[in-house]
C-alpha atoms as a PDB file:
ATOM      1  CA  TYR A   1       0.037   0.033   0.059  1.00  0.00           C
ATOM      2  CA  LEU A   2       0.908   3.605  -0.488  1.00  0.00           C
ATOM      3  CA  ARG A   3       0.248   6.774   1.356  1.00  0.00           C
ATOM      4  CA  TYR A   4      -1.379   9.861   0.000  1.00  0.00           C
ATOM      5  CA  GLU A   5       0.976  12.714  -0.820  1.00  0.00           C
ATOM      6  CA  ALA A   6       3.907  10.544   0.276  1.00  0.00           C
ATOM      7  CA  GLU A   7       6.789   9.823  -2.166  1.00  0.00           C
ATOM      8  CA  PHE A   8       7.467   6.259  -3.076  1.00  0.00           C
ATOM      9  CA  PRO A   9       9.977   4.654  -5.484  1.00  0.00           C
ATOM     10  CA  ILE A  10       9.199   2.293  -8.278  1.00  0.00           C
ATOM     11  CA  LYS A  11      12.411   0.491  -9.231  1.00  0.00           C
ATOM     12  CA  LEU A  12      12.841  -1.208 -12.579  1.00  0.00           C
ATOM     13  CA  GLU A  13      15.820  -3.493 -13.326  1.00  0.00           C
ATOM     14  CA  SER A  14      16.678  -5.393 -16.416  1.00  0.00           C
ATOM     15  CA  SER A  15      18.379  -8.812 -16.132  1.00  0.00           C
ATOM     16  CA  GLY A  16      21.364 -10.279 -17.883  1.00  0.00           C
ATOM     17  CA  ASP A  17      22.692  -8.332 -20.903  1.00  0.00           C
ATOM     18  CA  THR A  18      19.298  -6.589 -21.516  1.00  0.00           C
ATOM     19  CA  LYS A  19      19.403  -2.837 -21.291  1.00  0.00           C
ATOM     20  CA  LEU A  20      16.526  -0.621 -20.089  1.00  0.00           C
ATOM     21  CA  ASN A  21      15.526   1.234 -23.204  1.00  0.00           C
ATOM     22  CA  THR A  22      12.087   2.584 -22.844  1.00  0.00           C
ATOM     23  CA  VAL A  23       9.348   2.789 -20.131  1.00  0.00           C
ATOM     24  CA  GLU A  24       5.702   3.544 -21.257  1.00  0.00           C
ATOM     25  CA  ILE A  25       3.173   4.573 -18.676  1.00  0.00           C
ATOM     26  CA  PRO A  26      -0.395   5.312 -19.431  1.00  0.00           C
ATOM     27  CA  GLN A  27      -1.445   8.930 -19.100  1.00  0.00           C
ATOM     28  CA  ASP A  28      -4.525   7.872 -17.193  1.00  0.00           C
ATOM     29  CA  TYR A  29      -2.271   6.209 -14.597  1.00  0.00           C
ATOM     30  CA  LEU A  30       0.038   9.339 -14.372  1.00  0.00           C
ATOM     31  CA  ARG A  31      -2.989  11.629 -13.737  1.00  0.00           C
ATOM     32  CA  HIS A  32      -3.086  10.043 -10.207  1.00  0.00           C
ATOM     33  CA  PHE A  33       0.557  10.780  -9.501  1.00  0.00           C
ATOM     34  CA  LYS A  34       3.209  13.574  -9.482  1.00  0.00           C
ATOM     35  CA  VAL A  35       6.493  12.379 -10.929  1.00  0.00           C
ATOM     36  CA  GLU A  36       8.843  13.941  -8.486  1.00  0.00           C
ATOM     37  CA  ASN A  37      12.095  12.502 -10.045  1.00  0.00           C
ATOM     38  CA  ILE A  38      13.444   9.841 -12.402  1.00  0.00           C
ATOM     39  CA  VAL A  39      16.956   8.425 -11.939  1.00  0.00           C
ATOM     40  CA  PRO A  40      18.742   8.250 -14.347  1.00  0.00           C
ATOM     41  CA  GLU A  41      17.027  11.074 -16.086  1.00  0.00           C
ATOM     42  CA  PRO A  42      15.376  10.005 -19.444  1.00  0.00           C
ATOM     43  CA  THR A  43      17.204  11.303 -22.602  1.00  0.00           C
ATOM     44  CA  GLN A  44      13.833  11.725 -24.195  1.00  0.00           C
ATOM     45  CA  THR A  45      10.083  11.914 -23.162  1.00  0.00           C
ATOM     46  CA  SER A  46       7.307  11.755 -25.776  1.00  0.00           C
ATOM     47  CA  ILE A  47       3.660  10.718 -26.124  1.00  0.00           C
ATOM     48  CA  SER A  48       2.677   7.669 -28.059  1.00  0.00           C
ATOM     49  CA  GLY A  49      -1.037   7.099 -28.261  1.00  0.00           C
ATOM     50  CA  GLU A  50      -2.362   6.975 -24.609  1.00  0.00           C
ATOM     51  CA  ASN A  51       1.178   6.504 -23.071  1.00  0.00           C
ATOM     52  CA  VAL A  52       3.988   8.749 -22.055  1.00  0.00           C
ATOM     53  CA  VAL A  53       7.273   7.173 -23.189  1.00  0.00           C
ATOM     54  CA  PHE A  54      10.584   7.661 -21.324  1.00  0.00           C
ATOM     55  CA  ALA A  55      13.606   6.770 -23.400  1.00  0.00           C
ATOM     56  CA  PHE A  56      16.862   6.070 -21.705  1.00  0.00           C
ATOM     57  CA  ASP A  57      20.584   5.962 -22.813  1.00  0.00           C
ATOM     58  CA  THR A  58      21.102   2.371 -23.382  1.00  0.00           C
ATOM     59  CA  ALA A  59      25.018   2.482 -23.131  1.00  0.00           C
ATOM     60  CA  GLN A  60      25.145   1.473 -19.457  1.00  0.00           C
ATOM     61  CA  ASN A  61      21.573   1.557 -18.366  1.00  0.00           C
ATOM     62  CA  HIS A  62      20.165  -1.528 -16.487  1.00  0.00           C
ATOM     63  CA  SER A  63      17.777   0.223 -14.049  1.00  0.00           C
ATOM     64  CA  ALA A  64      15.680   3.179 -13.386  1.00  0.00           C
ATOM     65  CA  VAL A  65      13.855   4.509 -10.401  1.00  0.00           C
ATOM     66  CA  PHE A  66      10.641   6.499 -10.710  1.00  0.00           C
ATOM     67  CA  TYR A  67       9.765   8.548  -7.581  1.00  0.00           C
ATOM     68  CA  LEU A  68       6.133   9.287  -7.484  1.00  0.00           C
ATOM     69  CA  ILE A  69       3.737  11.125  -5.117  1.00  0.00           C
ATOM     70  CA  ALA A  70       0.054  10.037  -4.902  1.00  0.00           C
ATOM     71  CA  LYS A  71      -2.298  12.794  -5.661  1.00  0.00           C
ATOM     72  CA  GLN A  72      -5.478  10.818  -5.042  1.00  0.00           C
ATOM     73  CA  ARG A  73      -6.666   8.103  -2.664  1.00  0.00           C
ATOM     74  CA  GLY A  74      -8.248   4.739  -3.466  1.00  0.00           C
ATOM     75  CA  ASN A  75      -7.397   1.998  -5.988  1.00  0.00           C
ATOM     76  CA  ILE A  76      -5.156   3.047  -8.850  1.00  0.00           C
ATOM     77  CA  GLY A  77      -3.793   0.733 -11.616  1.00  0.00           C
ATOM     78  CA  GLY A  78      -2.243   0.704 -14.927  1.00  0.00           C
ATOM     79  CA  ASP A  79      -0.109  -1.367 -17.291  1.00  0.00           C
ATOM     80  CA  TRP A  80       3.568  -0.229 -17.509  1.00  0.00           C
ATOM     81  CA  LYS A  81       5.549  -1.434 -20.548  1.00  0.00           C
ATOM     82  CA  VAL A  82       9.295  -1.771 -20.067  1.00  0.00           C
ATOM     83  CA  ASN A  83      11.029  -2.547 -23.319  1.00  0.00           C
ATOM     84  CA  SER A  84       7.679  -3.533 -24.727  1.00  0.00           C
ATOM     85  CA  THR A  85       7.004  -6.108 -21.911  1.00  0.00           C
ATOM     86  CA  VAL A  86       3.765  -5.327 -20.084  1.00  0.00           C
ATOM     87  CA  PHE A  87       3.690  -5.093 -16.298  1.00  0.00           C
ATOM     88  CA  PRO A  88       0.391  -4.547 -14.617  1.00  0.00           C
ATOM     89  CA  LEU A  89       0.613  -2.321 -11.560  1.00  0.00           C
ATOM     90  CA  SER A  90      -2.100  -1.848  -8.917  1.00  0.00           C
ATOM     91  CA  HIS A  91      -1.945   0.245  -5.655  1.00  0.00           C
ATOM     92  CA  PHE A  92      -4.225   1.190  -2.893  1.00  0.00           C
ATOM     93  CA  ILE A  93      -3.542   4.629  -1.735  1.00  0.00           C
ATOM     94  CA  TYR A  94      -4.318   5.271   1.944  1.00  0.00           C
ATOM     95  CA  PRO A  95      -5.112   8.771   3.382  1.00  0.00           C
END
């Protein structure tokens, strides 16, 4: 569970020789959060359909951490895509 207006990290890590190239997050999911920081910083951010796409430098990148702050309470979910692989996320935000 997460707390309303409290920062929390979502850490993404690739395995083996796979590099972290892109992370796609639905705009509908992001409406419920403030993106406080992303480490490392994306090299490019764009919109593709209903998703915000964060692109990373692939030279040495095997992980990324998204620091989010919940702006709403209740059940929130969405499908993140990491290098085109879908990861469903679901949270309950406590007051």
